[in-house]
């Protein structure tokens, strides 16, 4: 079973996000009160805890939200999903995969510390098709 481990937001772009436990996903906008709300294609970012563990294995003490991901997941290989895949999160939220990975304009602190970063290769982005609350512990179902 795939689940949400952390729901993360930040006040400003370019900084780590922090876990707030639950947040409303707004249709065609993203997570309420997040610095990235309103983005056209990259409304919510997701990164698997399994991907974060790869960086921990290289000796860096990283936490959920350190890669600026909105949702930290467990039990789903996100980067293997295809564009257009629908994800049901919790009771009400429907998301659609719009981008796999990203191009980093400059290497981040994690890249400089260990020579690698997982978000550009294994993070995904989605848009919100139906709104509702996303909470830690919510199940994720691939439709």
Protein backbone atom coordinates (compact mmCIF):
# COMPACT_ATOMS: atom_id res chain seq x y z
CA UNK A 1 0.00 0.00 0.00
CA UNK A 2 1.28 3.47 -0.89
CA UNK A 3 0.89 6.24 1.70
CA UNK A 4 1.67 9.88 2.42
CA UNK A 5 4.43 10.21 5.05
CA UNK A 6 4.76 14.00 5.09
CA UNK A 7 2.79 17.02 3.80
CA UNK A 8 5.26 19.87 3.27
CA UNK A 9 4.97 23.57 2.45
CA UNK A 10 7.23 26.61 2.53
CA UNK A 11 6.62 30.36 2.57
CA UNK A 12 9.29 31.09 -0.07
CA UNK A 13 10.52 29.36 -3.22
CA UNK A 14 14.01 27.88 -3.08
CA UNK A 15 13.90 26.79 0.55
CA UNK A 16 13.29 23.53 2.35
CA UNK A 17 9.67 22.73 3.11
CA UNK A 18 8.34 21.70 6.52
CA UNK A 19 5.75 19.08 7.46
CA UNK A 20 2.41 20.53 8.51
CA UNK A 21 0.59 17.19 8.78
CA UNK A 22 -2.35 18.10 6.53
CA UNK A 23 -3.17 20.67 3.87
CA UNK A 24 -5.93 21.47 1.39
CA UNK A 25 -5.17 20.74 -2.26
CA UNK A 26 -6.82 23.42 -4.41
CA UNK A 27 -8.09 22.62 -7.92
CA UNK A 28 -5.63 23.75 -10.61
CA UNK A 29 -3.51 25.53 -7.97
CA UNK A 30 -1.65 23.19 -5.58
CA UNK A 31 -1.30 23.13 -1.80
CA UNK A 32 -2.89 26.02 0.05
CA UNK A 33 -0.35 28.50 1.49
CA UNK A 34 2.63 26.92 -0.30
CA UNK A 35 5.09 29.19 -2.11
CA UNK A 36 4.52 27.23 -5.33
CA UNK A 37 0.70 27.48 -5.33
CA UNK A 38 -0.69 28.54 -8.69
CA UNK A 39 1.96 26.94 -10.92
CA UNK A 40 0.47 25.77 -14.23
CA UNK A 41 1.95 22.28 -14.54
CA UNK A 42 4.01 21.75 -11.41
CA UNK A 43 1.30 22.38 -8.80
CA UNK A 44 2.39 19.73 -6.28
CA UNK A 45 5.71 17.87 -6.12
CA UNK A 46 6.12 14.33 -4.83
CA UNK A 47 9.22 12.40 -3.80
CA UNK A 48 9.37 8.87 -2.39
CA UNK A 49 11.00 8.17 0.95
CA UNK A 50 12.80 5.34 -0.86
CA UNK A 51 14.50 7.99 -3.03
CA UNK A 52 15.45 10.06 0.03
CA UNK A 53 16.95 6.91 1.58
CA UNK A 54 19.39 6.67 -1.37
CA UNK A 55 20.89 10.01 -0.30
CA UNK A 56 20.94 8.95 3.37
CA UNK A 57 22.95 5.89 2.33
CA UNK A 58 25.58 8.27 0.94
CA UNK A 59 26.04 9.70 4.43
CA UNK A 60 23.86 12.81 4.37
CA UNK A 61 21.32 13.37 7.14
CA UNK A 62 18.33 14.51 5.07
CA UNK A 63 14.70 14.76 6.10
CA UNK A 64 11.29 14.88 4.46
CA UNK A 65 10.85 18.28 2.81
CA UNK A 66 14.60 18.88 2.38
CA UNK A 67 14.24 18.35 -1.38
CA UNK A 68 11.40 20.93 -1.45
CA UNK A 69 8.87 18.18 -2.16
CA UNK A 70 5.27 18.84 -1.11
CA UNK A 71 4.36 15.21 -0.52
CA UNK A 72 6.74 12.55 0.72
CA UNK A 73 5.43 9.09 -0.13
CA UNK A 74 6.16 5.47 0.66
CA UNK A 75 5.40 2.31 -1.28
CA UNK A 76 5.15 3.72 -4.82
CA UNK A 77 7.94 4.07 -7.39
CA UNK A 78 6.88 7.53 -8.53
CA UNK A 79 9.40 8.02 -11.35
CA UNK A 80 8.04 4.93 -13.17
CA UNK A 81 4.58 6.47 -13.57
CA UNK A 82 3.70 7.88 -16.98
CA UNK A 83 2.47 11.35 -17.83
CA UNK A 84 -1.30 11.52 -17.43
CA UNK A 85 -1.43 8.86 -14.69
CA UNK A 86 -4.13 9.68 -12.14
CA UNK A 87 -3.53 9.32 -8.40
CA UNK A 88 -6.29 9.29 -5.80
CA UNK A 89 -5.06 10.58 -2.44
CA UNK A 90 -7.23 10.15 0.65
CA UNK A 91 -10.99 10.49 0.21
CA UNK A 92 -11.36 13.38 -2.23
CA UNK A 93 -8.16 14.44 -3.97
CA UNK A 94 -7.48 13.43 -7.57
CA UNK A 95 -4.07 14.30 -9.05
CA UNK A 96 -2.65 13.91 -12.56
CA UNK A 97 1.05 13.36 -13.29
CA UNK A 98 2.33 16.25 -15.46
CA UNK A 99 6.12 15.95 -15.21
CA UNK A 100 8.72 13.34 -14.24
CA UNK A 101 11.89 14.83 -12.79
CA UNK A 102 13.11 18.37 -13.36
CA UNK A 103 16.05 20.33 -14.60
CA UNK A 104 17.91 22.09 -11.81
CA UNK A 105 19.21 25.52 -12.78
CA UNK A 106 22.07 25.20 -10.31
CA UNK A 107 23.30 22.29 -8.19
CA UNK A 108 21.67 22.34 -4.74
CA UNK A 109 23.41 21.96 -1.39
CA UNK A 110 22.62 18.24 -1.35
CA UNK A 111 24.31 17.76 -4.73
CA UNK A 112 27.39 19.63 -3.50
CA UNK A 113 27.52 17.52 -0.31
CA UNK A 114 27.22 14.05 -1.87
CA UNK A 115 27.61 14.57 -5.61
CA UNK A 116 24.04 13.51 -6.34
CA UNK A 117 20.43 14.58 -5.89
CA UNK A 118 17.31 12.47 -6.41
CA UNK A 119 14.66 15.13 -7.03
CA UNK A 120 15.72 15.87 -10.64
CA UNK A 121 15.55 12.16 -11.54
CA UNK A 122 12.95 10.63 -9.24
CA UNK A 123 10.62 13.43 -8.13
CA UNK A 124 7.35 13.98 -9.97
CA UNK A 125 4.91 16.84 -10.40
CA UNK A 126 1.13 16.74 -10.56
CA UNK A 127 -1.82 19.02 -11.08
CA UNK A 128 -4.91 18.98 -8.87
CA UNK A 129 -8.09 17.73 -10.58
CA UNK A 130 -10.32 17.57 -7.50
CA UNK A 131 -9.69 19.35 -4.23
CA UNK A 132 -9.76 18.21 -0.64
CA UNK A 133 -7.50 17.58 2.32
CA UNK A 134 -4.27 15.61 2.05
CA UNK A 135 -3.01 14.26 5.36
CA UNK A 136 -0.13 12.18 6.65
CA UNK A 137 -1.26 8.56 6.53
CA UNK A 138 -3.55 8.99 3.51
CA UNK A 139 -3.50 6.14 1.02
CA UNK A 140 -2.38 6.78 -2.58
CA UNK A 141 -4.09 4.72 -5.29
CA UNK A 142 -2.89 4.65 -8.90
CA UNK A 143 -5.96 4.80 -11.16
